[in-house]
Amino acid sequence: MAGHQLYYFSTCPYCLVVRLYLWWLGLEVPLREIMFHPQNNADLIAGGGKSQVPCLRIEAENGDVRWMYESMDIIRYLKTVSAR
């Protein structure tokens, strides 16, 4: 999934649900762990405005970037992407 990145925390249950859903759909998204990689957390705060996970960074072909929080919103989005 070009242009997508998932920011997560390894023991966050909501992040785990999103990661399992990605696996179930067979989608590969670069993962950015924020607890042990401070630069990932800094990037999340700089781009999305807060250190909340899960967060899916979505970069459109035209360069526009959207930061999607909330596990159920991310899962609904992934369903639409996988259906294409």
PDB file of N, CA and C in Angstrom:
ATOM      1  N   MET A   1       0.840  -1.179   0.000  1.00  0.00           N
ATOM      2  CA  MET A   1       0.000   0.000   0.000  1.00  0.00           C
ATOM      3  C   MET A   1       0.882   1.238   0.000  1.00  0.00           C
ATOM      4  N   ALA A   2       1.216   1.650  -1.166  1.00  0.00           N
ATOM      5  CA  ALA A   2       2.078   2.812  -1.311  1.00  0.00           C
ATOM      6  C   ALA A   2       1.420   4.041  -0.692  1.00  0.00           C
ATOM      7  N   GLY A   3       2.215   4.841  -0.025  1.00  0.00           N
ATOM      8  CA  GLY A   3       1.724   6.070   0.561  1.00  0.00           C
ATOM      9  C   GLY A   3       1.061   5.908   1.919  1.00  0.00           C
ATOM     10  N   HIS A   4       1.131   4.719   2.493  1.00  0.00           N
ATOM     11  CA  HIS A   4       0.518   4.474   3.792  1.00  0.00           C
ATOM     12  C   HIS A   4       1.584   4.068   4.801  1.00  0.00           C
ATOM     13  N   GLN A   5       1.388   4.475   6.056  1.00  0.00           N
ATOM     14  CA  GLN A   5       2.240   4.058   7.172  1.00  0.00           C
ATOM     15  C   GLN A   5       1.361   3.948   8.397  1.00  0.00           C
ATOM     16  N   LEU A   6       1.592   2.910   9.197  1.00  0.00           N
ATOM     17  CA  LEU A   6       0.830   2.740  10.424  1.00  0.00           C
ATOM     18  C   LEU A   6       1.734   3.008  11.616  1.00  0.00           C
ATOM     19  N   TYR A   7       1.377   4.011  12.394  1.00  0.00           N
ATOM     20  CA  TYR A   7       2.073   4.305  13.646  1.00  0.00           C
ATOM     21  C   TYR A   7       1.370   3.517  14.740  1.00  0.00           C
ATOM     22  N   TYR A   8       2.160   2.827  15.559  1.00  0.00           N
ATOM     23  CA  TYR A   8       1.571   1.951  16.562  1.00  0.00           C
ATOM     24  C   TYR A   8       2.469   1.838  17.780  1.00  0.00           C
ATOM     25  N   PHE A   9       1.910   1.262  18.827  1.00  0.00           N
ATOM     26  CA  PHE A   9       2.613   0.951  20.058  1.00  0.00           C
ATOM     27  C   PHE A   9       2.422  -0.547  20.252  1.00  0.00           C
ATOM     28  N   SER A  10       3.477  -1.286  20.483  1.00  0.00           N
ATOM     29  CA  SER A  10       3.436  -2.749  20.423  1.00  0.00           C
ATOM     30  C   SER A  10       2.456  -3.401  21.393  1.00  0.00           C
ATOM     31  N   THR A  11       2.166  -2.800  22.548  1.00  0.00           N
ATOM     32  CA  THR A  11       1.245  -3.426  23.489  1.00  0.00           C
ATOM     33  C   THR A  11      -0.140  -2.777  23.503  1.00  0.00           C
ATOM     34  N   CYS A  12      -0.400  -1.898  22.593  1.00  0.00           N
ATOM     35  CA  CYS A  12      -1.707  -1.242  22.498  1.00  0.00           C
ATOM     36  C   CYS A  12      -2.713  -2.211  21.872  1.00  0.00           C
ATOM     37  N   PRO A  13      -3.792  -2.548  22.590  1.00  0.00           N
ATOM     38  CA  PRO A  13      -4.760  -3.509  22.043  1.00  0.00           C
ATOM     39  C   PRO A  13      -5.453  -3.007  20.777  1.00  0.00           C
ATOM     40  N   TYR A  14      -5.680  -1.713  20.671  1.00  0.00           N
ATOM     41  CA  TYR A  14      -6.314  -1.162  19.471  1.00  0.00           C
ATOM     42  C   TYR A  14      -5.389  -1.263  18.262  1.00  0.00           C
ATOM     43  N   CYS A  15      -4.096  -1.061  18.517  1.00  0.00           N
ATOM     44  CA  CYS A  15      -3.097  -1.215  17.448  1.00  0.00           C
ATOM     45  C   CYS A  15      -3.035  -2.667  16.995  1.00  0.00           C
ATOM     46  N   LEU A  16      -3.107  -3.574  17.942  1.00  0.00           N
ATOM     47  CA  LEU A  16      -3.069  -4.998  17.620  1.00  0.00           C
ATOM     48  C   LEU A  16      -4.238  -5.386  16.735  1.00  0.00           C
ATOM     49  N   VAL A  17      -5.414  -4.876  17.028  1.00  0.00           N
ATOM     50  CA  VAL A  17      -6.590  -5.171  16.206  1.00  0.00           C
ATOM     51  C   VAL A  17      -6.362  -4.693  14.769  1.00  0.00           C
ATOM     52  N   VAL A  18      -5.838  -3.497  14.610  1.00  0.00           N
ATOM     53  CA  VAL A  18      -5.580  -2.962  13.264  1.00  0.00           C
ATOM     54  C   VAL A  18      -4.514  -3.805  12.553  1.00  0.00           C
ATOM     55  N   ARG A  19      -3.467  -4.159  13.262  1.00  0.00           N
ATOM     56  CA  ARG A  19      -2.401  -4.957  12.646  1.00  0.00           C
ATOM     57  C   ARG A  19      -2.908  -6.346  12.250  1.00  0.00           C
ATOM     58  N   LEU A  20      -3.734  -6.940  13.083  1.00  0.00           N
ATOM     59  CA  LEU A  20      -4.325  -8.233  12.733  1.00  0.00           C
ATOM     60  C   LEU A  20      -5.240  -8.109  11.523  1.00  0.00           C
ATOM     61  N   TYR A  21      -5.976  -7.028  11.437  1.00  0.00           N
ATOM     62  CA  TYR A  21      -6.852  -6.815  10.292  1.00  0.00           C
ATOM     63  C   TYR A  21      -6.035  -6.641   9.008  1.00  0.00           C
ATOM     64  N   LEU A  22      -4.935  -5.912   9.089  1.00  0.00           N
ATOM     65  CA  LEU A  22      -4.040  -5.794   7.924  1.00  0.00           C
ATOM     66  C   LEU A  22      -3.570  -7.169   7.476  1.00  0.00           C
ATOM     67  N   TRP A  23      -3.176  -7.986   8.442  1.00  0.00           N
ATOM     68  CA  TRP A  23      -2.711  -9.338   8.128  1.00  0.00           C
ATOM     69  C   TRP A  23      -3.839 -10.141   7.483  1.00  0.00           C
ATOM     70  N   TRP A  24      -5.039 -10.063   8.042  1.00  0.00           N
ATOM     71  CA  TRP A  24      -6.171 -10.819   7.544  1.00  0.00           C
ATOM     72  C   TRP A  24      -6.511 -10.428   6.104  1.00  0.00           C
ATOM     73  N   LEU A  25      -6.384  -9.141   5.794  1.00  0.00           N
ATOM     74  CA  LEU A  25      -6.643  -8.666   4.431  1.00  0.00           C
ATOM     75  C   LEU A  25      -5.479  -8.928   3.486  1.00  0.00           C
ATOM     76  N   GLY A  26      -4.327  -9.270   4.052  1.00  0.00           N
ATOM     77  CA  GLY A  26      -3.150  -9.497   3.220  1.00  0.00           C
ATOM     78  C   GLY A  26      -2.518  -8.205   2.730  1.00  0.00           C
ATOM     79  N   LEU A  27      -2.720  -7.128   3.460  1.00  0.00           N
ATOM     80  CA  LEU A  27      -2.169  -5.829   3.078  1.00  0.00           C
ATOM     81  C   LEU A  27      -0.860  -5.584   3.811  1.00  0.00           C
ATOM     82  N   GLU A  28       0.113  -5.070   3.096  1.00  0.00           N
ATOM     83  CA  GLU A  28       1.397  -4.733   3.704  1.00  0.00           C
ATOM     84  C   GLU A  28       1.524  -3.222   3.795  1.00  0.00           C
ATOM     85  N   VAL A  29       1.686  -2.751   5.015  1.00  0.00           N
ATOM     86  CA  VAL A  29       1.835  -1.321   5.291  1.00  0.00           C
ATOM     87  C   VAL A  29       3.076  -1.158   6.159  1.00  0.00           C
ATOM     88  N   PRO A  30       3.948  -0.231   5.822  1.00  0.00           N
ATOM     89  CA  PRO A  30       5.105   0.016   6.685  1.00  0.00           C
ATOM     90  C   PRO A  30       4.653   0.377   8.102  1.00  0.00           C
ATOM     91  N   LEU A  31       5.269  -0.254   9.081  1.00  0.00           N
ATOM     92  CA  LEU A  31       4.926  -0.041  10.483  1.00  0.00           C
ATOM     93  C   LEU A  31       5.941   0.881  11.136  1.00  0.00           C
ATOM     94  N   ARG A  32       5.449   1.806  11.940  1.00  0.00           N
ATOM     95  CA  ARG A  32       6.289   2.769  12.647  1.00  0.00           C
ATOM     96  C   ARG A  32       5.983   2.677  14.139  1.00  0.00           C
ATOM     97  N   GLU A  33       6.797   1.939  14.874  1.00  0.00           N
ATOM     98  CA  GLU A  33       6.620   1.748  16.314  1.00  0.00           C
ATOM     99  C   GLU A  33       7.094   3.006  17.025  1.00  0.00           C
ATOM    100  N   ILE A  34       6.276   3.548  17.946  1.00  0.00           N
ATOM    101  CA  ILE A  34       6.607   4.842  18.554  1.00  0.00           C
ATOM    102  C   ILE A  34       7.268   4.754  19.924  1.00  0.00           C
ATOM    103  N   MET A  35       7.136   3.641  20.631  1.00  0.00           N
ATOM    104  CA  MET A  35       7.672   3.556  21.991  1.00  0.00           C
ATOM    105  C   MET A  35       9.190   3.441  21.997  1.00  0.00           C
ATOM    106  N   PHE A  36       9.725   2.575  21.163  1.00  0.00           N
ATOM    107  CA  PHE A  36      11.162   2.323  21.159  1.00  0.00           C
ATOM    108  C   PHE A  36      11.905   3.070  20.061  1.00  0.00           C
ATOM    109  N   HIS A  37      11.159   3.823  19.276  1.00  0.00           N
ATOM    110  CA  HIS A  37      11.757   4.606  18.199  1.00  0.00           C
ATOM    111  C   HIS A  37      11.259   6.051  18.324  1.00  0.00           C
ATOM    112  N   PRO A  38      11.959   6.848  19.131  1.00  0.00           N
ATOM    113  CA  PRO A  38      11.516   8.222  19.403  1.00  0.00           C
ATOM    114  C   PRO A  38      11.314   9.071  18.144  1.00  0.00           C
ATOM    115  N   GLN A  39      12.079   8.807  17.105  1.00  0.00           N
ATOM    116  CA  GLN A  39      11.914   9.591  15.877  1.00  0.00           C
ATOM    117  C   GLN A  39      10.544   9.337  15.247  1.00  0.00           C
ATOM    118  N   ASN A  40      10.061   8.090  15.326  1.00  0.00           N
ATOM    119  CA  ASN A  40       8.720   7.795  14.808  1.00  0.00           C
ATOM    120  C   ASN A  40       7.665   8.571  15.590  1.00  0.00           C
ATOM    121  N   ASN A  41       7.828   8.635  16.906  1.00  0.00           N
ATOM    122  CA  ASN A  41       6.887   9.396  17.727  1.00  0.00           C
ATOM    123  C   ASN A  41       6.957  10.882  17.390  1.00  0.00           C
ATOM    124  N   ALA A  42       8.154  11.392  17.206  1.00  0.00           N
ATOM    125  CA  ALA A  42       8.313  12.806  16.836  1.00  0.00           C
ATOM    126  C   ALA A  42       7.659  13.082  15.487  1.00  0.00           C
ATOM    127  N   ASP A  43       7.824  12.167  14.526  1.00  0.00           N
ATOM    128  CA  ASP A  43       7.197  12.324  13.210  1.00  0.00           C
ATOM    129  C   ASP A  43       5.676  12.313  13.327  1.00  0.00           C
ATOM    130  N   LEU A  44       5.161  11.441  14.174  1.00  0.00           N
ATOM    131  CA  LEU A  44       3.715  11.356  14.394  1.00  0.00           C
ATOM    132  C   LEU A  44       3.178  12.663  14.967  1.00  0.00           C
ATOM    133  N   ILE A  45       3.850  13.197  15.960  1.00  0.00           N
ATOM    134  CA  ILE A  45       3.412  14.453  16.578  1.00  0.00           C
ATOM    135  C   ILE A  45       3.529  15.613  15.595  1.00  0.00           C
ATOM    136  N   ALA A  46       4.636  15.663  14.860  1.00  0.00           N
ATOM    137  CA  ALA A  46       4.846  16.751  13.904  1.00  0.00           C
ATOM    138  C   ALA A  46       3.809  16.716  12.787  1.00  0.00           C
ATOM    139  N   GLY A  47       3.471  15.522  12.322  1.00  0.00           N
ATOM    140  CA  GLY A  47       2.540  15.407  11.200  1.00  0.00           C
ATOM    141  C   GLY A  47       1.090  15.383  11.616  1.00  0.00           C
ATOM    142  N   GLY A  48       0.779  14.554  12.604  1.00  0.00           N
ATOM    143  CA  GLY A  48      -0.613  14.368  12.996  1.00  0.00           C
ATOM    144  C   GLY A  48      -1.067  15.274  14.116  1.00  0.00           C
ATOM    145  N   GLY A  49      -0.113  15.832  14.850  1.00  0.00           N
ATOM    146  CA  GLY A  49      -0.460  16.762  15.901  1.00  0.00           C
ATOM    147  C   GLY A  49      -0.590  16.171  17.291  1.00  0.00           C
ATOM    148  N   LYS A  50      -0.559  14.841  17.401  1.00  0.00           N
ATOM    149  CA  LYS A  50      -0.657  14.220  18.724  1.00  0.00           C
ATOM    150  C   LYS A  50      -0.028  12.834  18.699  1.00  0.00           C
ATOM    151  N   SER A  51       0.339  12.371  19.874  1.00  0.00           N
ATOM    152  CA  SER A  51       0.988  11.062  20.014  1.00  0.00           C
ATOM    153  C   SER A  51      -0.059  10.022  20.388  1.00  0.00           C
ATOM    154  N   GLN A  52      -0.991   9.786  19.477  1.00  0.00           N
ATOM    155  CA  GLN A  52      -2.067   8.818  19.699  1.00  0.00           C
ATOM    156  C   GLN A  52      -1.954   7.728  18.649  1.00  0.00           C
ATOM    157  N   VAL A  53      -2.072   6.496  19.094  1.00  0.00           N
ATOM    158  CA  VAL A  53      -2.023   5.365  18.177  1.00  0.00           C
ATOM    159  C   VAL A  53      -3.232   4.475  18.412  1.00  0.00           C
ATOM    160  N   PRO A  54      -3.632   3.707  17.425  1.00  0.00           N
ATOM    161  CA  PRO A  54      -3.049   3.626  16.098  1.00  0.00           C
ATOM    162  C   PRO A  54      -3.340   4.885  15.282  1.00  0.00           C
ATOM    163  N   CYS A  55      -2.466   5.147  14.361  1.00  0.00           N
ATOM    164  CA  CYS A  55      -2.636   6.253  13.437  1.00  0.00           C
ATOM    165  C   CYS A  55      -2.136   5.817  12.063  1.00  0.00           C
ATOM    166  N   LEU A  56      -3.002   5.961  11.087  1.00  0.00           N
ATOM    167  CA  LEU A  56      -2.629   5.619   9.721  1.00  0.00           C
ATOM    168  C   LEU A  56      -2.341   6.899   8.958  1.00  0.00           C
ATOM    169  N   ARG A  57      -1.115   6.993   8.462  1.00  0.00           N
ATOM    170  CA  ARG A  57      -0.729   8.137   7.636  1.00  0.00           C
ATOM    171  C   ARG A  57      -1.016   7.761   6.194  1.00  0.00           C
ATOM    172  N   ILE A  58      -1.818   8.585   5.533  1.00  0.00           N
ATOM    173  CA  ILE A  58      -2.238   8.310   4.162  1.00  0.00           C
ATOM    174  C   ILE A  58      -1.762   9.454   3.288  1.00  0.00           C
ATOM    175  N   GLU A  59      -0.890   9.139   2.345  1.00  0.00           N
ATOM    176  CA  GLU A  59      -0.395  10.161   1.419  1.00  0.00           C
ATOM    177  C   GLU A  59      -0.991   9.890   0.050  1.00  0.00           C
ATOM    178  N   ALA A  60      -1.761  10.856  -0.450  1.00  0.00           N
ATOM    179  CA  ALA A  60      -2.387  10.738  -1.761  1.00  0.00           C
ATOM    180  C   ALA A  60      -1.347  10.938  -2.859  1.00  0.00           C
ATOM    181  N   GLU A  61      -1.707  10.551  -4.069  1.00  0.00           N
ATOM    182  CA  GLU A  61      -0.792  10.697  -5.206  1.00  0.00           C
ATOM    183  C   GLU A  61      -0.412  12.151  -5.446  1.00  0.00           C
ATOM    184  N   ASN A  62      -1.295  13.080  -5.086  1.00  0.00           N
ATOM    185  CA  ASN A  62      -0.991  14.494  -5.299  1.00  0.00           C
ATOM    186  C   ASN A  62      -0.150  15.090  -4.167  1.00  0.00           C
ATOM    187  N   GLY A  63       0.204  14.258  -3.167  1.00  0.00           N
ATOM    188  CA  GLY A  63       1.055  14.712  -2.074  1.00  0.00           C
ATOM    189  C   GLY A  63       0.316  15.130  -0.818  1.00  0.00           C
ATOM    190  N   ASP A  64      -1.017  15.220  -0.884  1.00  0.00           N
ATOM    191  CA  ASP A  64      -1.794  15.556   0.313  1.00  0.00           C
ATOM    192  C   ASP A  64      -1.668  14.424   1.330  1.00  0.00           C
ATOM    193  N   VAL A  65      -1.514  14.809   2.606  1.00  0.00           N
ATOM    194  CA  VAL A  65      -1.345  13.828   3.674  1.00  0.00           C
ATOM    195  C   VAL A  65      -2.510  13.935   4.644  1.00  0.00           C
ATOM    196  N   ARG A  66      -3.031  12.784   5.004  1.00  0.00           N
ATOM    197  CA  ARG A  66      -4.133  12.686   5.965  1.00  0.00           C
ATOM    198  C   ARG A  66      -3.698  11.766   7.090  1.00  0.00           C
ATOM    199  N   TRP A  67      -4.030  12.127   8.312  1.00  0.00           N
ATOM    200  CA  TRP A  67      -3.684  11.328   9.491  1.00  0.00           C
ATOM    201  C   TRP A  67      -4.977  10.791  10.072  1.00  0.00           C
ATOM    202  N   MET A  68      -5.141   9.470  10.052  1.00  0.00           N
ATOM    203  CA  MET A  68      -6.372   8.854  10.520  1.00  0.00           C
ATOM    204  C   MET A  68      -6.135   8.149  11.849  1.00  0.00           C
ATOM    205  N   TYR A  69      -6.854   8.601  12.862  1.00  0.00           N
ATOM    206  CA  TYR A  69      -6.799   7.999  14.188  1.00  0.00           C
ATOM    207  C   TYR A  69      -8.036   7.134  14.377  1.00  0.00           C
ATOM    208  N   GLU A  70      -8.077   6.398  15.468  1.00  0.00           N
ATOM    209  CA  GLU A  70      -9.191   5.538  15.850  1.00  0.00           C
ATOM    210  C   GLU A  70      -9.176   4.236  15.040  1.00  0.00           C
ATOM    211  N   SER A  71      -9.047   3.150  15.752  1.00  0.00           N
ATOM    212  CA  SER A  71      -8.898   1.838  15.124  1.00  0.00           C
ATOM    213  C   SER A  71     -10.072   1.489  14.211  1.00  0.00           C
ATOM    214  N   MET A  72     -11.300   1.764  14.622  1.00  0.00           N
ATOM    215  CA  MET A  72     -12.448   1.402  13.787  1.00  0.00           C
ATOM    216  C   MET A  72     -12.512   2.243  12.512  1.00  0.00           C
ATOM    217  N   ASP A  73     -12.112   3.495  12.581  1.00  0.00           N
ATOM    218  CA  ASP A  73     -12.051   4.322  11.367  1.00  0.00           C
ATOM    219  C   ASP A  73     -11.002   3.763  10.408  1.00  0.00           C
ATOM    220  N   ILE A  74      -9.870   3.354  10.957  1.00  0.00           N
ATOM    221  CA  ILE A  74      -8.799   2.779  10.124  1.00  0.00           C
ATOM    222  C   ILE A  74      -9.287   1.488   9.483  1.00  0.00           C
ATOM    223  N   ILE A  75      -9.943   0.631  10.243  1.00  0.00           N
ATOM    224  CA  ILE A  75     -10.441  -0.641   9.708  1.00  0.00           C
ATOM    225  C   ILE A  75     -11.481  -0.400   8.617  1.00  0.00           C
ATOM    226  N   ARG A  76     -12.397   0.540   8.823  1.00  0.00           N
ATOM    227  CA  ARG A  76     -13.385   0.860   7.777  1.00  0.00           C
ATOM    228  C   ARG A  76     -12.678   1.341   6.513  1.00  0.00           C
ATOM    229  N   TYR A  77     -11.666   2.170   6.670  1.00  0.00           N
ATOM    230  CA  TYR A  77     -10.896   2.664   5.521  1.00  0.00           C
ATOM    231  C   TYR A  77     -10.203   1.502   4.808  1.00  0.00           C
ATOM    232  N   LEU A  78      -9.579   0.611   5.572  1.00  0.00           N
ATOM    233  CA  LEU A  78      -8.877  -0.525   4.972  1.00  0.00           C
ATOM    234  C   LEU A  78      -9.828  -1.431   4.202  1.00  0.00           C
ATOM    235  N   LYS A  79     -11.048  -1.580   4.688  1.00  0.00           N
ATOM    236  CA  LYS A  79     -12.045  -2.373   3.968  1.00  0.00           C
ATOM    237  C   LYS A  79     -12.308  -1.791   2.590  1.00  0.00           C
ATOM    238  N   THR A  80     -12.424  -0.453   2.497  1.00  0.00           N
ATOM    239  CA  THR A  80     -12.689   0.166   1.204  1.00  0.00           C
ATOM    240  C   THR A  80     -11.497   0.050   0.281  1.00  0.00           C
ATOM    241  N   VAL A  81     -10.298   0.178   0.830  1.00  0.00           N
ATOM    242  CA  VAL A  81      -9.077   0.071   0.019  1.00  0.00           C
ATOM    243  C   VAL A  81      -8.911  -1.341  -0.522  1.00  0.00           C
ATOM    244  N   SER A  82      -9.175  -2.339   0.319  1.00  0.00           N
ATOM    245  CA  SER A  82      -8.971  -3.733  -0.106  1.00  0.00           C
ATOM    246  C   SER A  82     -10.031  -4.169  -1.108  1.00  0.00           C
ATOM    247  N   ALA A  83     -11.174  -3.490  -1.126  1.00  0.00           N
ATOM    248  CA  ALA A  83     -12.253  -3.860  -2.046  1.00  0.00           C
ATOM    249  C   ALA A  83     -11.992  -3.356  -3.461  1.00  0.00           C
ATOM    250  N   ARG A  84     -11.033  -2.472  -3.605  1.00  0.00           N
ATOM    251  CA  ARG A  84     -10.737  -1.901  -4.950  1.00  0.00           C
ATOM    252  C   ARG A  84     -10.004  -2.857  -5.820  1.00  0.00           C
TER     253      ARG A  84
END
